[in-house]
PDB file of N, CA and C in Angstrom:
ATOM      1  N   MET A   1     119.248  69.612  48.300  1.00  0.00           N
ATOM      2  CA  MET A   1     118.370  68.850  49.307  1.00  0.00           C
ATOM      3  C   MET A   1     117.100  68.557  48.718  1.00  0.00           C
ATOM      4  N   THR A   2     116.115  67.600  48.987  1.00  0.00           N
ATOM      5  CA  THR A   2     115.217  67.227  48.228  1.00  0.00           C
ATOM      6  C   THR A   2     114.012  67.810  49.091  1.00  0.00           C
ATOM      7  N   ASN A   3     112.841  67.856  48.358  1.00  0.00           N
ATOM      8  CA  ASN A   3     111.574  68.512  49.085  1.00  0.00           C
ATOM      9  C   ASN A   3     111.749  67.890  50.704  1.00  0.00           C
ATOM     10  N   GLN A   4     111.454  66.493  50.082  1.00  0.00           N
ATOM     11  CA  GLN A   4     111.323  65.573  51.634  1.00  0.00           C
ATOM     12  C   GLN A   4     112.028  65.793  52.767  1.00  0.00           C
ATOM     13  N   ASP A   5     113.210  66.332  52.422  1.00  0.00           N
ATOM     14  CA  ASP A   5     114.258  66.516  53.729  1.00  0.00           C
ATOM     15  C   ASP A   5     114.137  68.155  54.189  1.00  0.00           C
ATOM     16  N   GLN A   6     113.781  68.802  53.111  1.00  0.00           N
ATOM     17  CA  GLN A   6     113.281  70.339  53.616  1.00  0.00           C
ATOM     18  C   GLN A   6     111.949  70.207  54.701  1.00  0.00           C
ATOM     19  N   LEU A   7     111.010  69.462  54.318  1.00  0.00           N
ATOM     20  CA  LEU A   7     109.540  69.186  55.123  1.00  0.00           C
ATOM     21  C   LEU A   7     110.222  68.592  56.409  1.00  0.00           C
ATOM     22  N   GLN A   8     111.156  67.673  56.223  1.00  0.00           N
ATOM     23  CA  GLN A   8     111.083  67.147  57.651  1.00  0.00           C
ATOM     24  C   GLN A   8     111.981  67.768  58.696  1.00  0.00           C
ATOM     25  N   GLN A   9     113.150  68.805  57.989  1.00  0.00           N
ATOM     26  CA  GLN A   9     113.931  69.241  58.988  1.00  0.00           C
ATOM     27  C   GLN A   9     112.694  70.907  59.156  1.00  0.00           C
ATOM     28  N   GLN A  10     111.995  71.231  58.444  1.00  0.00           N
ATOM     29  CA  GLN A  10     110.698  72.271  58.822  1.00  0.00           C
ATOM     30  C   GLN A  10     110.013  71.536  60.273  1.00  0.00           C
ATOM     31  N   ALA A  11     109.748  70.209  59.911  1.00  0.00           N
ATOM     32  CA  ALA A  11     108.845  69.653  61.112  1.00  0.00           C
ATOM     33  C   ALA A  11     109.738  69.573  62.226  1.00  0.00           C
ATOM     34  N   GLU A  12     111.011  69.331  62.261  1.00  0.00           N
ATOM     35  CA  GLU A  12     111.923  69.263  63.277  1.00  0.00           C
ATOM     36  C   GLU A  12     112.014  70.641  63.938  1.00  0.00           C
ATOM     37  N   ARG A  13     112.117  71.865  63.333  1.00  0.00           N
ATOM     38  CA  ARG A  13     112.242  73.147  63.726  1.00  0.00           C
ATOM     39  C   ARG A  13     110.822  73.232  64.734  1.00  0.00           C
ATOM     40  N   ASN A  14     110.115  73.028  64.194  1.00  0.00           N
ATOM     41  CA  ASN A  14     108.351  73.240  64.535  1.00  0.00           C
ATOM     42  C   ASN A  14     108.442  72.108  65.690  1.00  0.00           C
ATOM     43  N   MET A  15     109.079  71.153  66.099  1.00  0.00           N
ATOM     44  CA  MET A  15     108.882  70.542  67.163  1.00  0.00           C
ATOM     45  C   MET A  15     109.958  71.030  68.168  1.00  0.00           C
ATOM     46  N   GLN A  16     111.216  71.656  67.926  1.00  0.00           N
ATOM     47  CA  GLN A  16     111.855  72.281  68.648  1.00  0.00           C
ATOM     48  C   GLN A  16     111.372  73.644  69.366  1.00  0.00           C
ATOM     49  N   MET A  17     110.585  74.304  68.415  1.00  0.00           N
ATOM     50  CA  MET A  17     110.016  75.556  69.099  1.00  0.00           C
ATOM     51  C   MET A  17     109.085  75.425  69.876  1.00  0.00           C
ATOM     52  N   GLN A  18     108.170  74.230  69.463  1.00  0.00           N
ATOM     53  CA  GLN A  18     107.109  73.997  70.437  1.00  0.00           C
ATOM     54  C   GLN A  18     107.791  73.314  71.986  1.00  0.00           C
ATOM     55  N   ASN A  19     108.641  72.649  71.859  1.00  0.00           N
ATOM     56  CA  ASN A  19     109.300  71.648  73.288  1.00  0.00           C
ATOM     57  C   ASN A  19     109.880  73.322  73.764  1.00  0.00           C
ATOM     58  N   LEU A  20     110.271  74.293  73.418  1.00  0.00           N
ATOM     59  CA  LEU A  20     110.852  75.494  73.650  1.00  0.00           C
ATOM     60  C   LEU A  20     109.909  76.611  74.450  1.00  0.00           C
ATOM     61  N   GLN A  21     108.755  76.640  73.808  1.00  0.00           N
ATOM     62  CA  GLN A  21     107.476  77.224  74.423  1.00  0.00           C
ATOM     63  C   GLN A  21     106.984  76.722  75.798  1.00  0.00           C
ATOM     64  N   GLN A  22     106.952  75.457  75.277  1.00  0.00           N
ATOM     65  CA  GLN A  22     106.006  74.399  76.630  1.00  0.00           C
ATOM     66  C   GLN A  22     107.280  74.664  77.849  1.00  0.00           C
ATOM     67  N   SER A  23     108.434  74.534  77.732  1.00  0.00           N
ATOM     68  CA  SER A  23     109.674  74.547  78.725  1.00  0.00           C
ATOM     69  C   SER A  23     109.733  76.078  79.356  1.00  0.00           C
ATOM     70  N   GLN A  24     109.023  77.323  78.951  1.00  0.00           N
ATOM     71  CA  GLN A  24     109.581  78.687  79.092  1.00  0.00           C
ATOM     72  C   GLN A  24     108.546  78.977  80.364  1.00  0.00           C
ATOM     73  N   LYS A  25     109.252  79.568  81.102  1.00  0.00           N
ATOM     74  CA  LYS A  25     108.359  79.866  82.503  1.00  0.00           C
ATOM     75  C   LYS A  25     108.414  81.288  82.900  1.00  0.00           C
ATOM     76  N   ILE A  26     107.462  81.795  83.391  1.00  0.00           N
ATOM     77  CA  ILE A  26     107.891  83.135  83.910  1.00  0.00           C
ATOM     78  C   ILE A  26     107.346  82.990  85.033  1.00  0.00           C
ATOM     79  N   SER A  27     108.739  83.781  85.402  1.00  0.00           N
ATOM     80  CA  SER A  27     108.966  83.974  86.908  1.00  0.00           C
ATOM     81  C   SER A  27     109.956  84.969  87.704  1.00  0.00           C
ATOM     82  N   ASN A  28     109.968  85.177  88.741  1.00  0.00           N
ATOM     83  CA  ASN A  28     110.520  86.140  89.319  1.00  0.00           C
ATOM     84  C   ASN A  28     111.755  84.957  89.836  1.00  0.00           C
ATOM     85  N   GLN A  29     112.880  85.812  90.353  1.00  0.00           N
ATOM     86  CA  GLN A  29     114.258  85.292  91.121  1.00  0.00           C
ATOM     87  C   GLN A  29     113.341  84.646  92.481  1.00  0.00           C
ATOM     88  N   GLU A  30     114.014  83.620  92.544  1.00  0.00           N
ATOM     89  CA  GLU A  30     113.224  82.979  94.060  1.00  0.00           C
ATOM     90  C   GLU A  30     114.005  83.410  95.240  1.00  0.00           C
ATOM     91  N   THR A  31     113.140  83.598  95.778  1.00  0.00           N
ATOM     92  CA  THR A  31     113.491  84.322  97.598  1.00  0.00           C
ATOM     93  C   THR A  31     114.044  82.990  98.009  1.00  0.00           C
ATOM     94  N   GLN A  32     115.262  82.877  98.792  1.00  0.00           N
ATOM     95  CA  GLN A  32     115.638  81.627  99.384  1.00  0.00           C
ATOM     96  C   GLN A  32     115.174  81.660 100.548  1.00  0.00           C
ATOM     97  N   VAL A  33     114.652  80.526 101.133  1.00  0.00           N
ATOM     98  CA  VAL A  33     114.588  80.151 102.614  1.00  0.00           C
ATOM     99  C   VAL A  33     114.995  78.713 102.899  1.00  0.00           C
ATOM    100  N   PRO A  34     114.966  78.858 104.382  1.00  0.00           N
ATOM    101  CA  PRO A  34     116.087  77.471 104.709  1.00  0.00           C
ATOM    102  C   PRO A  34     115.217  76.079 104.553  1.00  0.00           C
ATOM    103  N   LYS A  35     115.988  75.011 104.062  1.00  0.00           N
ATOM    104  CA  LYS A  35     115.937  73.703 103.444  1.00  0.00           C
ATOM    105  C   LYS A  35     115.670  72.963 104.647  1.00  0.00           C
ATOM    106  N   THR A  36     114.772  72.905 105.567  1.00  0.00           N
ATOM    107  CA  THR A  36     114.901  72.241 106.977  1.00  0.00           C
ATOM    108  C   THR A  36     113.659  71.233 107.349  1.00  0.00           C
ATOM    109  N   PRO A  37     113.544  70.371 108.244  1.00  0.00           N
ATOM    110  CA  PRO A  37     112.482  69.523 108.206  1.00  0.00           C
ATOM    111  C   PRO A  37     110.781  70.598 108.649  1.00  0.00           C
ATOM    112  N   GLN A  38     111.266  71.576 109.302  1.00  0.00           N
ATOM    113  CA  GLN A  38     110.343  72.384 109.883  1.00  0.00           C
ATOM    114  C   GLN A  38     109.704  73.748 108.516  1.00  0.00           C
ATOM    115  N   MET A  39     108.401  73.449 108.837  1.00  0.00           N
ATOM    116  CA  MET A  39     107.738  74.409 107.826  1.00  0.00           C
ATOM    117  C   MET A  39     108.574  75.950 107.606  1.00  0.00           C
ATOM    118  N   ASN A  40     108.804  76.229 106.553  1.00  0.00           N
ATOM    119  CA  ASN A  40     109.369  77.702 106.270  1.00  0.00           C
ATOM    120  C   ASN A  40     108.311  78.337 105.806  1.00  0.00           C
ATOM    121  N   GLU A  41     108.775  79.811 105.763  1.00  0.00           N
ATOM    122  CA  GLU A  41     107.701  80.780 105.052  1.00  0.00           C
ATOM    123  C   GLU A  41     107.375  80.490 103.965  1.00  0.00           C
ATOM    124  N   ARG A  42     107.844  79.671 102.589  1.00  0.00           N
ATOM    125  CA  ARG A  42     106.919  79.529 101.678  1.00  0.00           C
ATOM    126  C   ARG A  42     106.122  78.460 102.160  1.00  0.00           C
ATOM    127  N   ASP A  43     106.399  77.312 102.586  1.00  0.00           N
ATOM    128  CA  ASP A  43     105.731  76.083 103.331  1.00  0.00           C
ATOM    129  C   ASP A  43     104.085  76.961 103.753  1.00  0.00           C
ATOM    130  N   PHE A  44     104.594  77.652 104.593  1.00  0.00           N
ATOM    131  CA  PHE A  44     103.032  78.588 105.288  1.00  0.00           C
ATOM    132  C   PHE A  44     102.285  79.079 104.322  1.00  0.00           C
ATOM    133  N   ILE A  45     102.904  80.180 103.420  1.00  0.00           N
ATOM    134  CA  ILE A  45     102.118  80.703 102.839  1.00  0.00           C
ATOM    135  C   ILE A  45     101.283  79.971 101.493  1.00  0.00           C
ATOM    136  N   ASN A  46     102.315  78.946 101.473  1.00  0.00           N
ATOM    137  CA  ASN A  46     101.662  78.084 100.211  1.00  0.00           C
ATOM    138  C   ASN A  46     100.352  76.892 100.965  1.00  0.00           C
ATOM    139  N   ASP A  47     100.711  77.089 102.373  1.00  0.00           N
ATOM    140  CA  ASP A  47      99.335  76.226 102.844  1.00  0.00           C
ATOM    141  C   ASP A  47      98.392  76.795 102.749  1.00  0.00           C
ATOM    142  N   ILE A  48      98.251  78.346 103.338  1.00  0.00           N
ATOM    143  CA  ILE A  48      97.485  79.398 103.238  1.00  0.00           C
ATOM    144  C   ILE A  48      96.778  79.507 102.085  1.00  0.00           C
ATOM    145  N   LEU A  49      97.661  79.366 100.910  1.00  0.00           N
ATOM    146  CA  LEU A  49      96.876  79.930  99.708  1.00  0.00           C
ATOM    147  C   LEU A  49      95.957  78.502  99.100  1.00  0.00           C
ATOM    148  N   THR A  50      96.817  77.118  99.202  1.00  0.00           N
ATOM    149  CA  THR A  50      95.805  76.128  98.905  1.00  0.00           C
ATOM    150  C   THR A  50      94.321  75.899  99.608  1.00  0.00           C
ATOM    151  N   THR A  51      94.341  76.448 100.854  1.00  0.00           N
ATOM    152  CA  THR A  51      93.120  76.444 101.825  1.00  0.00           C
ATOM    153  C   THR A  51      92.274  77.782 101.430  1.00  0.00           C
ATOM    154  N   GLU A  52      92.782  78.654 100.857  1.00  0.00           N
ATOM    155  CA  GLU A  52      91.826  80.077 100.357  1.00  0.00           C
ATOM    156  C   GLU A  52      91.371  79.652  98.944  1.00  0.00           C
ATOM    157  N   LYS A  53      91.895  78.854  98.541  1.00  0.00           N
ATOM    158  CA  LYS A  53      91.223  78.129  96.765  1.00  0.00           C
ATOM    159  C   LYS A  53      90.483  77.122  97.186  1.00  0.00           C
ATOM    160  N   TYR A  54      90.534  76.329  98.339  1.00  0.00           N
ATOM    161  CA  TYR A  54      89.170  75.608  98.926  1.00  0.00           C
ATOM    162  C   TYR A  54      88.074  76.354  99.133  1.00  0.00           C
ATOM    163  N   MET A  55      88.688  77.284 100.016  1.00  0.00           N
ATOM    164  CA  MET A  55      87.478  78.330 100.458  1.00  0.00           C
ATOM    165  C   MET A  55      86.563  79.047  99.516  1.00  0.00           C
ATOM    166  N   THR A  56      87.468  79.732  98.421  1.00  0.00           N
ATOM    167  CA  THR A  56      86.499  80.084  97.107  1.00  0.00           C
ATOM    168  C   THR A  56      85.917  79.141  96.657  1.00  0.00           C
ATOM    169  N   ALA A  57      86.533  77.877  96.493  1.00  0.00           N
ATOM    170  CA  ALA A  57      85.584  76.904  95.835  1.00  0.00           C
ATOM    171  C   ALA A  57      84.307  76.573  96.503  1.00  0.00           C
ATOM    172  N   ALA A  58      84.496  76.477  97.972  1.00  0.00           N
ATOM    173  CA  ALA A  58      83.284  76.083  99.151  1.00  0.00           C
ATOM    174  C   ALA A  58      82.216  77.374  99.012  1.00  0.00           C
ATOM    175  N   TYR A  59      82.531  78.670  99.107  1.00  0.00           N
ATOM    176  CA  TYR A  59      81.960  79.616  99.104  1.00  0.00           C
ATOM    177  C   TYR A  59      81.231  79.641  97.738  1.00  0.00           C
ATOM    178  N   SER A  60      81.820  79.432  96.714  1.00  0.00           N
ATOM    179  CA  SER A  60      80.977  79.556  95.197  1.00  0.00           C
ATOM    180  C   SER A  60      80.145  78.324  95.041  1.00  0.00           C
ATOM    181  N   THR A  61      79.929  77.313  95.693  1.00  0.00           N
ATOM    182  CA  THR A  61      78.870  75.978  95.770  1.00  0.00           C
ATOM    183  C   THR A  61      77.803  76.386  96.855  1.00  0.00           C
ATOM    184  N   ALA A  62      78.132  77.315  97.572  1.00  0.00           N
ATOM    185  CA  ALA A  62      77.321  77.379  98.353  1.00  0.00           C
ATOM    186  C   ALA A  62      76.125  78.849  98.105  1.00  0.00           C
ATOM    187  N   MET A  63      76.793  79.802  97.246  1.00  0.00           N
ATOM    188  CA  MET A  63      76.285  80.766  96.585  1.00  0.00           C
ATOM    189  C   MET A  63      75.573  80.246  95.904  1.00  0.00           C
ATOM    190  N   ASN A  64      75.810  79.144  95.003  1.00  0.00           N
ATOM    191  CA  ASN A  64      75.075  78.417  94.057  1.00  0.00           C
ATOM    192  C   ASN A  64      73.698  78.157  94.825  1.00  0.00           C
ATOM    193  N   GLU A  65      74.267  77.327  95.877  1.00  0.00           N
ATOM    194  CA  GLU A  65      72.663  76.452  96.727  1.00  0.00           C
ATOM    195  C   GLU A  65      71.855  77.277  97.458  1.00  0.00           C
ATOM    196  N   VAL A  66      72.331  78.405  97.656  1.00  0.00           N
ATOM    197  CA  VAL A  66      71.519  79.104  98.977  1.00  0.00           C
ATOM    198  C   VAL A  66      70.155  79.810  98.161  1.00  0.00           C
ATOM    199  N   SER A  67      69.316  79.654  99.271  1.00  0.00           N
ATOM    200  CA  SER A  67      67.964  80.285  98.771  1.00  0.00           C
ATOM    201  C   SER A  67      67.623  81.495  99.132  1.00  0.00           C
ATOM    202  N   ASN A  68      67.967  81.836 100.408  1.00  0.00           N
ATOM    203  CA  ASN A  68      67.880  83.228 100.996  1.00  0.00           C
ATOM    204  C   ASN A  68      68.529  84.476 100.802  1.00  0.00           C
ATOM    205  N   GLN A  69      68.048  85.321 100.202  1.00  0.00           N
ATOM    206  CA  GLN A  69      68.771  86.397  99.541  1.00  0.00           C
ATOM    207  C   GLN A  69      69.869  87.228 100.528  1.00  0.00           C
ATOM    208  N   THR A  70      69.580  87.276 101.584  1.00  0.00           N
ATOM    209  CA  THR A  70      70.163  87.749 102.762  1.00  0.00           C
ATOM    210  C   THR A  70      71.485  87.035 103.111  1.00  0.00           C
ATOM    211  N   LEU A  71      71.374  85.552 103.266  1.00  0.00           N
ATOM    212  CA  LEU A  71      72.337  84.751 103.235  1.00  0.00           C
ATOM    213  C   LEU A  71      73.484  84.939 101.958  1.00  0.00           C
ATOM    214  N   TYR A  72      72.721  84.874 100.844  1.00  0.00           N
ATOM    215  CA  TYR A  72      73.505  84.957  99.148  1.00  0.00           C
ATOM    216  C   TYR A  72      74.445  86.360  99.446  1.00  0.00           C
ATOM    217  N   SER A  73      73.878  87.311  99.745  1.00  0.00           N
ATOM    218  CA  SER A  73      74.662  88.339  99.936  1.00  0.00           C
ATOM    219  C   SER A  73      75.737  88.667 100.824  1.00  0.00           C
ATOM    220  N   ASP A  74      75.790  87.967 101.933  1.00  0.00           N
ATOM    221  CA  ASP A  74      76.702  87.800 102.961  1.00  0.00           C
ATOM    222  C   ASP A  74      77.474  86.987 102.453  1.00  0.00           C
ATOM    223  N   LEU A  75      77.443  85.486 101.928  1.00  0.00           N
ATOM    224  CA  LEU A  75      78.371  84.922 100.999  1.00  0.00           C
ATOM    225  C   LEU A  75      78.855  85.433 100.023  1.00  0.00           C
ATOM    226  N   ALA A  76      78.517  86.261  99.226  1.00  0.00           N
ATOM    227  CA  ALA A  76      78.677  86.750  98.533  1.00  0.00           C
ATOM    228  C   ALA A  76      79.950  88.227  98.875  1.00  0.00           C
ATOM    229  N   THR A  77      79.598  88.485  99.969  1.00  0.00           N
ATOM    230  CA  THR A  77      80.918  89.253 100.494  1.00  0.00           C
ATOM    231  C   THR A  77      82.250  88.450 100.792  1.00  0.00           C
ATOM    232  N   ILE A  78      81.882  87.677 101.893  1.00  0.00           N
ATOM    233  CA  ILE A  78      82.894  86.578 102.307  1.00  0.00           C
ATOM    234  C   ILE A  78      83.672  85.832 101.089  1.00  0.00           C
ATOM    235  N   PHE A  79      82.848  85.581 100.013  1.00  0.00           N
ATOM    236  CA  PHE A  79      83.312  84.803  98.756  1.00  0.00           C
ATOM    237  C   PHE A  79      84.474  86.304  98.595  1.00  0.00           C
ATOM    238  N   LYS A  80      83.809  87.566  98.383  1.00  0.00           N
ATOM    239  CA  LYS A  80      84.719  88.156  97.490  1.00  0.00           C
ATOM    240  C   LYS A  80      85.959  88.755  98.064  1.00  0.00           C
ATOM    241  N   GLU A  81      86.019  88.741 100.084  1.00  0.00           N
ATOM    242  CA  GLU A  81      87.084  88.815 100.470  1.00  0.00           C
ATOM    243  C   GLU A  81      88.022  87.707 100.588  1.00  0.00           C
ATOM    244  N   THR A  82      87.491  86.239 100.829  1.00  0.00           N
ATOM    245  CA  THR A  82      88.398  85.093 100.131  1.00  0.00           C
ATOM    246  C   THR A  82      89.286  84.835  98.875  1.00  0.00           C
ATOM    247  N   GLN A  83      88.311  85.589  97.957  1.00  0.00           N
ATOM    248  CA  GLN A  83      89.098  85.810  96.799  1.00  0.00           C
ATOM    249  C   GLN A  83      90.553  86.553  96.403  1.00  0.00           C
ATOM    250  N   ASP A  84      89.973  87.759  97.137  1.00  0.00           N
ATOM    251  CA  ASP A  84      91.161  88.753  97.357  1.00  0.00           C
ATOM    252  C   ASP A  84      92.240  88.268  98.165  1.00  0.00           C
ATOM    253  N   CYS A  85      92.211  87.656  99.258  1.00  0.00           N
ATOM    254  CA  CYS A  85      93.013  87.175  99.938  1.00  0.00           C
ATOM    255  C   CYS A  85      93.967  86.395  99.260  1.00  0.00           C
ATOM    256  N   GLN A  86      93.299  85.700  98.545  1.00  0.00           N
ATOM    257  CA  GLN A  86      94.138  84.165  97.733  1.00  0.00           C
ATOM    258  C   GLN A  86      94.598  85.068  96.610  1.00  0.00           C
ATOM    259  N   ARG A  87      94.062  86.042  96.046  1.00  0.00           N
ATOM    260  CA  ARG A  87      95.165  86.619  94.893  1.00  0.00           C
ATOM    261  C   ARG A  87      96.183  87.372  95.446  1.00  0.00           C
ATOM    262  N   ASN A  88      96.066  87.945  96.884  1.00  0.00           N
ATOM    263  CA  ASN A  88      97.240  88.849  97.127  1.00  0.00           C
ATOM    264  C   ASN A  88      98.265  87.742  97.653  1.00  0.00           C
ATOM    265  N   LEU A  89      97.709  86.784  98.046  1.00  0.00           N
ATOM    266  CA  LEU A  89      99.055  85.496  98.544  1.00  0.00           C
ATOM    267  C   LEU A  89      99.478  85.220  97.150  1.00  0.00           C
ATOM    268  N   PHE A  90      98.793  84.783  96.402  1.00  0.00           N
ATOM    269  CA  PHE A  90      99.471  84.746  94.508  1.00  0.00           C
ATOM    270  C   PHE A  90     100.268  85.467  94.322  1.00  0.00           C
ATOM    271  N   ASP A  91     100.074  86.849  94.590  1.00  0.00           N
ATOM    272  CA  ASP A  91     100.910  87.790  94.051  1.00  0.00           C
ATOM    273  C   ASP A  91     102.404  87.830  94.924  1.00  0.00           C
ATOM    274  N   MET A  92     102.087  87.497  96.065  1.00  0.00           N
ATOM    275  CA  MET A  92     103.218  87.811  97.146  1.00  0.00           C
ATOM    276  C   MET A  92     103.767  86.511  96.575  1.00  0.00           C
ATOM    277  N   MET A  93     103.336  85.215  96.475  1.00  0.00           N
ATOM    278  CA  MET A  93     104.117  84.042  95.959  1.00  0.00           C
ATOM    279  C   MET A  93     104.976  84.314  94.622  1.00  0.00           C
ATOM    280  N   PHE A  94     104.397  84.791  93.885  1.00  0.00           N
ATOM    281  CA  PHE A  94     105.044  84.886  92.535  1.00  0.00           C
ATOM    282  C   PHE A  94     105.976  86.179  92.674  1.00  0.00           C
ATOM    283  N   LYS A  95     106.046  87.435  93.385  1.00  0.00           N
ATOM    284  CA  LYS A  95     106.968  88.421  93.544  1.00  0.00           C
ATOM    285  C   LYS A  95     107.871  87.937  93.967  1.00  0.00           C
ATOM    286  N   LYS A  96     108.150  86.713  95.065  1.00  0.00           N
ATOM    287  CA  LYS A  96     109.070  85.670  95.550  1.00  0.00           C
ATOM    288  C   LYS A  96     109.668  84.788  94.885  1.00  0.00           C
ATOM    289  N   GLY A  97     109.196  84.585  93.848  1.00  0.00           N
ATOM    290  CA  GLY A  97     109.591  83.811  92.777  1.00  0.00           C
ATOM    291  C   GLY A  97     109.125  82.111  93.090  1.00  0.00           C
ATOM    292  N   TRP A  98     108.355  82.153  93.975  1.00  0.00           N
ATOM    293  CA  TRP A  98     107.701  81.041  94.527  1.00  0.00           C
ATOM    294  C   TRP A  98     106.705  79.991  93.775  1.00  0.00           C
ATOM    295  N   TYR A  99     105.970  80.601  92.399  1.00  0.00           N
ATOM    296  CA  TYR A  99     105.242  80.757  91.813  1.00  0.00           C
ATOM    297  C   TYR A  99     105.449  80.938  90.800  1.00  0.00           C
ATOM    298  N   SER A 100     105.492  79.919  89.975  1.00  0.00           N
ATOM    299  CA  SER A 100     105.598  80.369  88.239  1.00  0.00           C
ATOM    300  C   SER A 100     104.818  79.888  87.072  1.00  0.00           C
ATOM    301  N   LEU A 101     105.118  80.555  86.145  1.00  0.00           N
ATOM    302  CA  LEU A 101     103.613  80.405  85.192  1.00  0.00           C
ATOM    303  C   LEU A 101     104.478  80.008  83.908  1.00  0.00           C
ATOM    304  N   GLU A 102     103.503  79.422  82.909  1.00  0.00           N
ATOM    305  CA  GLU A 102     104.359  78.394  81.937  1.00  0.00           C
ATOM    306  C   GLU A 102     103.531  79.418  80.846  1.00  0.00           C
ATOM    307  N   VAL A 103     104.764  79.732  79.741  1.00  0.00           N
ATOM    308  CA  VAL A 103     104.094  80.483  78.607  1.00  0.00           C
ATOM    309  C   VAL A 103     103.220  79.675  77.620  1.00  0.00           C
ATOM    310  N   ALA A 104     102.129  80.276  77.429  1.00  0.00           N
ATOM    311  CA  ALA A 104     101.038  79.510  76.801  1.00  0.00           C
ATOM    312  C   ALA A 104     101.379  79.649  75.095  1.00  0.00           C
ATOM    313  N   ASP A 105     100.947  78.328  75.011  1.00  0.00           N
ATOM    314  CA  ASP A 105     101.250  78.146  73.369  1.00  0.00           C
ATOM    315  C   ASP A 105     100.385  78.719  72.637  1.00  0.00           C
ATOM    316  N   GLN A 106     100.739  79.681  71.593  1.00  0.00           N
ATOM    317  CA  GLN A 106      99.617  80.354  70.602  1.00  0.00           C
ATOM    318  C   GLN A 106      98.581  79.060  69.874  1.00  0.00           C
ATOM    319  N   GLN A 107      99.065  78.702  69.677  1.00  0.00           N
ATOM    320  CA  GLN A 107      98.458  77.494  68.912  1.00  0.00           C
ATOM    321  C   GLN A 107      97.288  77.001  69.220  1.00  0.00           C
ATOM    322  N   LYS A 108      97.421  76.684  70.492  1.00  0.00           N
ATOM    323  CA  LYS A 108      96.750  75.976  71.724  1.00  0.00           C
ATOM    324  C   LYS A 108      95.666  77.053  72.105  1.00  0.00           C
ATOM    325  N   MET A 109      96.152  78.051  72.376  1.00  0.00           N
ATOM    326  CA  MET A 109      95.295  79.528  72.561  1.00  0.00           C
ATOM    327  C   MET A 109      94.283  79.815  71.549  1.00  0.00           C
ATOM    328  N   GLN A 110      94.723  79.623  70.309  1.00  0.00           N
ATOM    329  CA  GLN A 110      93.959  79.657  69.172  1.00  0.00           C
ATOM    330  C   GLN A 110      93.077  78.535  68.913  1.00  0.00           C
ATOM    331  N   GLN A 111      93.185  77.699  69.458  1.00  0.00           N
ATOM    332  CA  GLN A 111      92.022  76.398  69.018  1.00  0.00           C
ATOM    333  C   GLN A 111      91.297  76.564  69.655  1.00  0.00           C
ATOM    334  N   SER A 112      91.793  77.002  71.407  1.00  0.00           N
ATOM    335  CA  SER A 112      90.619  76.874  72.296  1.00  0.00           C
ATOM    336  C   SER A 112      89.446  78.078  71.944  1.00  0.00           C
ATOM    337  N   TYR A 113      90.035  79.289  71.590  1.00  0.00           N
ATOM    338  CA  TYR A 113      89.175  80.379  71.241  1.00  0.00           C
ATOM    339  C   TYR A 113      88.114  79.662  69.802  1.00  0.00           C
ATOM    340  N   GLN A 114      88.950  79.368  69.077  1.00  0.00           N
ATOM    341  CA  GLN A 114      87.944  78.918  67.948  1.00  0.00           C
ATOM    342  C   GLN A 114      86.527  77.813  68.439  1.00  0.00           C
ATOM    343  N   GLN A 115      87.254  77.456  69.469  1.00  0.00           N
ATOM    344  CA  GLN A 115      86.461  76.037  69.995  1.00  0.00           C
ATOM    345  C   GLN A 115      85.046  76.613  70.851  1.00  0.00           C
ATOM    346  N   PHE A 116      85.566  77.651  71.379  1.00  0.00           N
ATOM    347  CA  PHE A 116      84.415  78.450  71.924  1.00  0.00           C
ATOM    348  C   PHE A 116      83.562  79.337  71.380  1.00  0.00           C
ATOM    349  N   ALA A 117      84.312  79.873  70.294  1.00  0.00           N
ATOM    350  CA  ALA A 117      83.477  80.943  69.545  1.00  0.00           C
ATOM    351  C   ALA A 117      82.553  79.872  68.725  1.00  0.00           C
ATOM    352  N   GLY A 118      82.806  78.692  68.469  1.00  0.00           N
ATOM    353  CA  GLY A 118      81.968  77.628  67.524  1.00  0.00           C
ATOM    354  C   GLY A 118      80.990  77.476  68.655  1.00  0.00           C
ATOM    355  N   TYR A 119      80.642  77.188  70.323  1.00  0.00           N
ATOM    356  CA  TYR A 119      79.975  76.778  70.927  1.00  0.00           C
ATOM    357  C   TYR A 119      79.140  78.019  71.191  1.00  0.00           C
ATOM    358  N   SER A 120      79.418  79.366  71.236  1.00  0.00           N
ATOM    359  CA  SER A 120      78.735  80.721  71.152  1.00  0.00           C
ATOM    360  C   SER A 120      77.981  80.979  70.067  1.00  0.00           C
ATOM    361  N   ASN A 121      78.328  80.309  68.943  1.00  0.00           N
ATOM    362  CA  ASN A 121      77.429  80.246  67.728  1.00  0.00           C
ATOM    363  C   ASN A 121      76.481  79.510  67.928  1.00  0.00           C
ATOM    364  N   GLN A 122      76.333  78.455  68.804  1.00  0.00           N
ATOM    365  CA  GLN A 122      75.210  77.364  68.911  1.00  0.00           C
ATOM    366  C   GLN A 122      74.039  77.829  69.853  1.00  0.00           C
ATOM    367  N   LEU A 123      74.653  79.009  70.362  1.00  0.00           N
ATOM    368  CA  LEU A 123      73.586  79.183  71.659  1.00  0.00           C
ATOM    369  C   LEU A 123      72.587  80.357  70.877  1.00  0.00           C
ATOM    370  N   PRO A 124      71.336  80.017  71.133  1.00  0.00           N
ATOM    371  CA  PRO A 124      70.089  80.625  70.222  1.00  0.00           C
ATOM    372  C   PRO A 124      70.031  81.831  70.830  1.00  0.00           C
ATOM    373  N   PHE A 125      70.333  82.228  72.321  1.00  0.00           N
ATOM    374  CA  PHE A 125      70.213  83.446  72.770  1.00  0.00           C
ATOM    375  C   PHE A 125      70.863  84.486  72.617  1.00  0.00           C
ATOM    376  N   LEU A 126      72.282  83.989  72.142  1.00  0.00           N
ATOM    377  CA  LEU A 126      73.168  85.119  71.724  1.00  0.00           C
ATOM    378  C   LEU A 126      73.270  85.529  69.983  1.00  0.00           C
ATOM    379  N   GLN A 127      71.960  85.167  69.215  1.00  0.00           N
ATOM    380  CA  GLN A 127      72.136  85.446  67.966  1.00  0.00           C
ATOM    381  C   GLN A 127      70.934  86.284  67.626  1.00  0.00           C
TER     382      GLN A 127
END
């Protein structure tokens, strides 16, 4: 076997590992729900989760733009409650197997870390 053949085989193995890592998902066993035209428990919870995500984004924008401190504090409290509700819904969906996560590619994570570490080195107030 030539050196070029070995390099090609190694490249193929690396590609297979990347494909395997990209396809791996972290999830629980899915709780079965009826497959009917009517909304089921999963549909309702997913709809509420989507709404909570939208609401947290809207409250975040409002907090960034409000000038009154009392109103800001009230919005911050509501934002925290909404964020907690969103997290609880996510946890419930994950436990029921209705929400899965993909395994992160270590190489991409390292690249992102290096990219943002480079940014922080450019900020004058952190040096």
